[in-house]
C-alpha atoms as a PDB file:
ATOM      1  CA  UNK A   1       0.006   0.309   0.204  1.00  0.00           C
ATOM      2  CA  UNK A   2       2.725   2.466   1.426  1.00  0.00           C
ATOM      3  CA  UNK A   3       4.463   1.026  -2.223  1.00  0.00           C
ATOM      4  CA  UNK A   4       1.199   2.278  -4.413  1.00  0.00           C
ATOM      5  CA  UNK A   5       1.177   5.970  -2.468  1.00  0.00           C
ATOM      6  CA  UNK A   6       4.485   6.645  -3.126  1.00  0.00           C
ATOM      7  CA  UNK A   7       4.601   5.520  -6.244  1.00  0.00           C
ATOM      8  CA  UNK A   8       1.283   8.806  -7.111  1.00  0.00           C
ATOM      9  CA  UNK A   9       2.951  11.004  -4.617  1.00  0.00           C
ATOM     10  CA  UNK A  10       6.822  10.852  -6.073  1.00  0.00           C
ATOM     11  CA  UNK A  11       5.966  12.154  -8.951  1.00  0.00           C
ATOM     12  CA  UNK A  12       4.339  15.129  -8.201  1.00  0.00           C
ATOM     13  CA  UNK A  13       6.636  15.591  -5.500  1.00  0.00           C
ATOM     14  CA  UNK A  14       9.642  16.376  -8.030  1.00  0.00           C
ATOM     15  CA  UNK A  15       7.701  18.192 -10.659  1.00  0.00           C
ATOM     16  CA  UNK A  16       6.835  20.590  -8.002  1.00  0.00           C
ATOM     17  CA  UNK A  17       9.541  20.923  -7.014  1.00  0.00           C
ATOM     18  CA  UNK A  18      11.410  21.355 -10.920  1.00  0.00           C
ATOM     19  CA  UNK A  19       8.464  23.894 -11.764  1.00  0.00           C
ATOM     20  CA  UNK A  20       9.779  25.454  -8.019  1.00  0.00           C
ATOM     21  CA  UNK A  21      12.849  26.039  -8.436  1.00  0.00           C
ATOM     22  CA  UNK A  22      13.139  27.172 -12.255  1.00  0.00           C
ATOM     23  CA  UNK A  23      10.837  30.147 -10.955  1.00  0.00           C
ATOM     24  CA  UNK A  24      13.296  30.754  -7.723  1.00  0.00           C
ATOM     25  CA  UNK A  25      15.829  31.226 -10.837  1.00  0.00           C
ATOM     26  CA  UNK A  26      13.777  33.092 -13.629  1.00  0.00           C
ATOM     27  CA  UNK A  27      12.877  35.665 -10.783  1.00  0.00           C
ATOM     28  CA  UNK A  28      16.815  36.557  -9.695  1.00  0.00           C
ATOM     29  CA  UNK A  29      16.617  38.619 -13.125  1.00  0.00           C
ATOM     30  CA  UNK A  30      16.650  41.925 -13.057  1.00  0.00           C
ATOM     31  CA  UNK A  31      13.910  42.063 -15.479  1.00  0.00           C
ATOM     32  CA  UNK A  32      11.828  41.178 -12.368  1.00  0.00           C
ATOM     33  CA  UNK A  33       9.636  43.099 -10.495  1.00  0.00           C
ATOM     34  CA  UNK A  34       7.209  42.179  -7.131  1.00  0.00           C
ATOM     35  CA  UNK A  35       4.126  43.300  -8.585  1.00  0.00           C
ATOM     36  CA  UNK A  36       3.472  45.309  -5.136  1.00  0.00           C
ATOM     37  CA  UNK A  37       6.482  47.577  -6.251  1.00  0.00           C
ATOM     38  CA  UNK A  38       4.954  48.853  -9.493  1.00  0.00           C
ATOM     39  CA  UNK A  39       3.850  52.082  -9.983  1.00  0.00           C
ATOM     40  CA  UNK A  40       0.603  53.220 -11.334  1.00  0.00           C
ATOM     41  CA  UNK A  41      -0.329  52.805 -14.982  1.00  0.00           C
ATOM     42  CA  UNK A  42      -3.171  54.387 -16.217  1.00  0.00           C
ATOM     43  CA  UNK A  43      -3.996  53.734 -20.254  1.00  0.00           C
ATOM     44  CA  UNK A  44      -8.055  55.001 -20.539  1.00  0.00           C
ATOM     45  CA  UNK A  45      -9.430  58.829 -20.148  1.00  0.00           C
ATOM     46  CA  UNK A  46      -8.523  59.532 -16.439  1.00  0.00           C
ATOM     47  CA  UNK A  47     -11.209  59.487 -13.685  1.00  0.00           C
ATOM     48  CA  UNK A  48      -8.782  60.853 -11.320  1.00  0.00           C
ATOM     49  CA  UNK A  49     -11.110  60.651  -8.242  1.00  0.00           C
ATOM     50  CA  UNK A  50     -10.302  65.038  -7.915  1.00  0.00           C
ATOM     51  CA  UNK A  51      -7.873  67.334  -8.814  1.00  0.00           C
ATOM     52  CA  UNK A  52      -5.862  70.447  -8.375  1.00  0.00           C
ATOM     53  CA  UNK A  53      -5.650  74.155 -10.770  1.00  0.00           C
ATOM     54  CA  UNK A  54      -4.734  72.835 -14.846  1.00  0.00           C
ATOM     55  CA  UNK A  55      -1.220  74.223 -15.066  1.00  0.00           C
ATOM     56  CA  UNK A  56      -1.147  73.270 -18.487  1.00  0.00           C
ATOM     57  CA  UNK A  57      -1.342  71.713 -21.893  1.00  0.00           C
ATOM     58  CA  UNK A  58       0.313  68.779 -23.224  1.00  0.00           C
ATOM     59  CA  UNK A  59      -1.430  67.827 -26.884  1.00  0.00           C
ATOM     60  CA  UNK A  60      -5.133  67.920 -26.317  1.00  0.00           C
ATOM     61  CA  UNK A  61      -4.353  66.621 -22.527  1.00  0.00           C
ATOM     62  CA  UNK A  62      -4.749  68.924 -19.334  1.00  0.00           C
ATOM     63  CA  UNK A  63      -1.778  69.017 -17.399  1.00  0.00           C
ATOM     64  CA  UNK A  64      -2.994  69.718 -13.617  1.00  0.00           C
ATOM     65  CA  UNK A  65      -1.158  70.663 -10.115  1.00  0.00           C
ATOM     66  CA  UNK A  66      -2.108  67.351  -8.724  1.00  0.00           C
ATOM     67  CA  UNK A  67      -4.048  64.412  -9.098  1.00  0.00           C
ATOM     68  CA  UNK A  68      -6.050  61.842  -6.339  1.00  0.00           C
ATOM     69  CA  UNK A  69      -6.135  58.629  -7.435  1.00  0.00           C
ATOM     70  CA  UNK A  70      -7.100  54.969  -4.995  1.00  0.00           C
ATOM     71  CA  UNK A  71      -6.920  57.781  -2.740  1.00  0.00           C
ATOM     72  CA  UNK A  72      -3.715  59.417  -2.498  1.00  0.00           C
ATOM     73  CA  UNK A  73      -2.023  62.831  -3.598  1.00  0.00           C
ATOM     74  CA  UNK A  74       0.054  62.651  -7.228  1.00  0.00           C
ATOM     75  CA  UNK A  75       2.155  65.685  -7.664  1.00  0.00           C
ATOM     76  CA  UNK A  76       2.444  66.905 -12.122  1.00  0.00           C
ATOM     77  CA  UNK A  77       6.242  66.151 -12.633  1.00  0.00           C
ATOM     78  CA  UNK A  78       7.296  66.139 -15.408  1.00  0.00           C
ATOM     79  CA  UNK A  79       6.448  64.690 -19.670  1.00  0.00           C
ATOM     80  CA  UNK A  80       8.359  61.376 -19.790  1.00  0.00           C
ATOM     81  CA  UNK A  81       8.773  58.802 -22.461  1.00  0.00           C
ATOM     82  CA  UNK A  82       6.002  56.115 -23.652  1.00  0.00           C
ATOM     83  CA  UNK A  83       7.849  53.415 -23.168  1.00  0.00           C
ATOM     84  CA  UNK A  84       8.113  54.440 -19.466  1.00  0.00           C
ATOM     85  CA  UNK A  85       5.019  52.913 -18.459  1.00  0.00           C
ATOM     86  CA  UNK A  86       6.880  49.365 -18.023  1.00  0.00           C
ATOM     87  CA  UNK A  87       9.354  51.257 -15.388  1.00  0.00           C
ATOM     88  CA  UNK A  88       7.013  53.243 -13.063  1.00  0.00           C
ATOM     89  CA  UNK A  89       8.760  53.085  -9.989  1.00  0.00           C
ATOM     90  CA  UNK A  90       6.288  52.294  -6.498  1.00  0.00           C
ATOM     91  CA  UNK A  91       5.005  56.359  -5.895  1.00  0.00           C
ATOM     92  CA  UNK A  92       4.713  56.651  -9.170  1.00  0.00           C
ATOM     93  CA  UNK A  93       2.037  57.135 -11.109  1.00  0.00           C
ATOM     94  CA  UNK A  94       2.183  57.497 -15.119  1.00  0.00           C
ATOM     95  CA  UNK A  95      -0.680  58.609 -17.600  1.00  0.00           C
ATOM     96  CA  UNK A  96      -0.464  57.902 -21.039  1.00  0.00           C
ATOM     97  CA  UNK A  97       0.372  58.940 -23.716  1.00  0.00           C
ATOM     98  CA  UNK A  98       3.201  60.357 -21.480  1.00  0.00           C
ATOM     99  CA  UNK A  99       2.425  62.129 -18.199  1.00  0.00           C
ATOM    100  CA  UNK A 100       4.454  61.999 -15.201  1.00  0.00           C
ATOM    101  CA  UNK A 101       2.743  62.375 -11.311  1.00  0.00           C
ATOM    102  CA  UNK A 102       4.303  61.599  -8.025  1.00  0.00           C
ATOM    103  CA  UNK A 103       4.273  61.481  -4.728  1.00  0.00           C
ATOM    104  CA  UNK A 104       5.497  64.317  -2.725  1.00  0.00           C
END
């Protein structure tokens, strides 16, 4: 009976160990960042909870002195390239097409 249980659970345990090892190996690369460490990215029309006064315009988009998203206040910082969306820091808010707001 014990041999049957080991024969059934052994391959599953080995597969689990192999997948865990592969996962740990690839997490060491610089490109991996845990989702909790990423900033916010807004692609669609921004629906801010609250906005400060308008300080300018970039294309068809208004630039606000500050915005409130998810009960956090973000102050306007700068215009960044579109691919910056993949490098957003934890205290930053990227609003497409390239406006960056930060927590101060």
